Amino acid sequence: MSKNKPNNSSDFLNVIIESIKEKKGKNILQISLSKLENSVTDNFIICHADSTTQVEAISDNIERKIKEKFSENVKHVEGKRNSEWVLMDYVNVVVHVFQKH
């Protein structure tokens, strides 16, 4: 995989999805919003985890893999303090990792 590809490429999305699967994330859903006018992002990826530890492991793995493969840092992260849910904003891709209650 080459570095510095646009962060809405299928390779970018696949790395995120594979990073979730590596940490046993469940119910992975990718939603394309690219054809919606005035959407805040082009793609949402949503999944859930069984514990706060798993939420943190998934989000850390995504961040590490995207940095390694694309030299891209997450633009904004929310929810890491409690790790019941984490939102990761890569501008064209937003990832939500939720703890299943």
Protein backbone atom coordinates (compact mmCIF):
# COMPACT_ATOMS: atom_id res chain seq x y z
CA MET A 1 0.00 0.00 0.00
CA SER A 2 1.40 3.37 -0.89
CA LYS A 3 1.52 6.21 1.57
CA ASN A 4 -0.39 9.48 1.36
CA LYS A 5 -3.43 8.15 -0.49
CA PRO A 6 -6.58 10.19 0.04
CA ASN A 7 -8.23 9.18 3.28
CA ASN A 8 -11.49 8.23 1.63
CA SER A 9 -9.92 5.60 -0.64
CA SER A 10 -11.06 2.01 -0.46
CA ASP A 11 -7.58 1.07 0.84
CA PHE A 12 -7.97 3.54 3.72
CA LEU A 13 -11.42 2.17 4.58
CA ASN A 14 -10.18 -1.42 4.35
CA VAL A 15 -7.30 -0.74 6.76
CA ILE A 16 -9.78 0.65 9.29
CA ILE A 17 -12.11 -2.34 8.90
CA GLU A 18 -9.23 -4.84 9.15
CA SER A 19 -7.94 -3.02 12.25
CA ILE A 20 -11.36 -3.45 13.86
CA LYS A 21 -11.49 -7.14 12.93
CA GLU A 22 -8.00 -7.75 14.36
CA LYS A 23 -9.31 -6.69 17.77
CA LYS A 24 -12.54 -8.66 17.37
CA GLY A 25 -14.85 -5.69 16.85
CA LYS A 26 -18.42 -6.72 16.07
CA ASN A 27 -21.26 -5.59 13.80
CA ILE A 28 -18.99 -3.54 11.57
CA LEU A 29 -21.01 -1.23 9.36
CA GLN A 30 -19.67 1.07 6.68
CA ILE A 31 -22.01 3.81 5.49
CA SER A 32 -21.17 5.94 2.47
CA LEU A 33 -22.48 9.49 2.71
CA SER A 34 -20.51 10.78 -0.25
CA LYS A 35 -23.59 11.33 -2.41
CA LEU A 36 -25.47 13.26 0.25
CA GLU A 37 -25.36 16.99 -0.10
CA ASN A 38 -23.83 18.84 2.87
CA SER A 39 -22.77 15.70 4.74
CA VAL A 40 -20.10 16.20 7.39
CA THR A 41 -18.06 13.25 6.10
CA ASP A 42 -17.91 10.87 3.16
CA ASN A 43 -17.94 7.63 5.19
CA PHE A 44 -19.01 6.44 8.62
CA ILE A 45 -17.67 3.20 10.03
CA ILE A 46 -19.44 1.93 13.12
CA CYS A 47 -18.75 -1.12 15.28
CA HIS A 48 -19.19 -2.30 18.82
CA ALA A 49 -17.03 -3.95 21.42
CA ASP A 50 -17.77 -5.96 24.55
CA SER A 51 -15.78 -3.88 27.05
CA THR A 52 -14.07 -0.54 27.56
CA THR A 53 -10.75 -2.34 27.19
CA GLN A 54 -11.78 -3.62 23.77
CA VAL A 55 -13.08 -0.18 22.70
CA GLU A 56 -9.69 1.27 23.55
CA ALA A 57 -7.80 -1.57 21.84
CA ILE A 58 -9.81 -1.14 18.63
CA SER A 59 -9.36 2.63 18.50
CA ASP A 60 -5.63 2.36 19.31
CA ASN A 61 -5.18 -0.28 16.59
CA ILE A 62 -6.94 1.86 13.99
CA GLU A 63 -4.81 4.86 14.89
CA ARG A 64 -1.58 2.84 14.76
CA LYS A 65 -2.35 1.10 11.44
CA ILE A 66 -3.47 4.29 9.68
CA LYS A 67 -0.34 6.07 10.87
CA GLU A 68 1.88 3.19 9.67
CA LYS A 69 0.29 2.72 6.26
CA PHE A 70 -0.73 6.27 5.31
CA SER A 71 1.32 8.56 7.60
CA GLU A 72 -2.00 10.08 8.60
CA ASN A 73 -2.91 11.21 12.11
CA VAL A 74 -6.45 11.22 13.41
CA LYS A 75 -7.73 14.81 13.29
CA HIS A 76 -9.93 14.58 16.38
CA VAL A 77 -10.73 11.92 18.98
CA GLU A 78 -13.50 11.96 21.56
CA GLY A 79 -14.54 9.51 24.25
CA LYS A 80 -11.17 7.95 25.10
CA ARG A 81 -11.41 9.10 28.71
CA ASN A 82 -14.13 6.57 29.57
CA SER A 83 -13.80 4.34 26.48
CA GLU A 84 -17.51 3.51 26.48
CA TRP A 85 -17.50 4.94 22.97
CA VAL A 86 -14.80 6.52 20.87
CA LEU A 87 -15.24 8.81 17.90
CA MET A 88 -12.28 9.12 15.52
CA ASP A 89 -12.39 11.83 12.87
CA TYR A 90 -10.20 11.43 9.80
CA VAL A 91 -12.20 14.20 8.02
CA ASN A 92 -13.46 12.08 5.10
CA VAL A 93 -13.96 9.07 7.36
CA VAL A 94 -15.49 9.09 10.84
CA VAL A 95 -15.22 5.97 12.99
CA HIS A 96 -17.46 5.22 15.99
CA VAL A 97 -16.55 2.38 18.33
CA PHE A 98 -19.27 1.70 20.91
CA GLN A 99 -19.29 -0.54 23.94
CA LYS A 100 -22.27 -2.86 23.74
CA HIS A 101 -24.33 -2.62 26.89
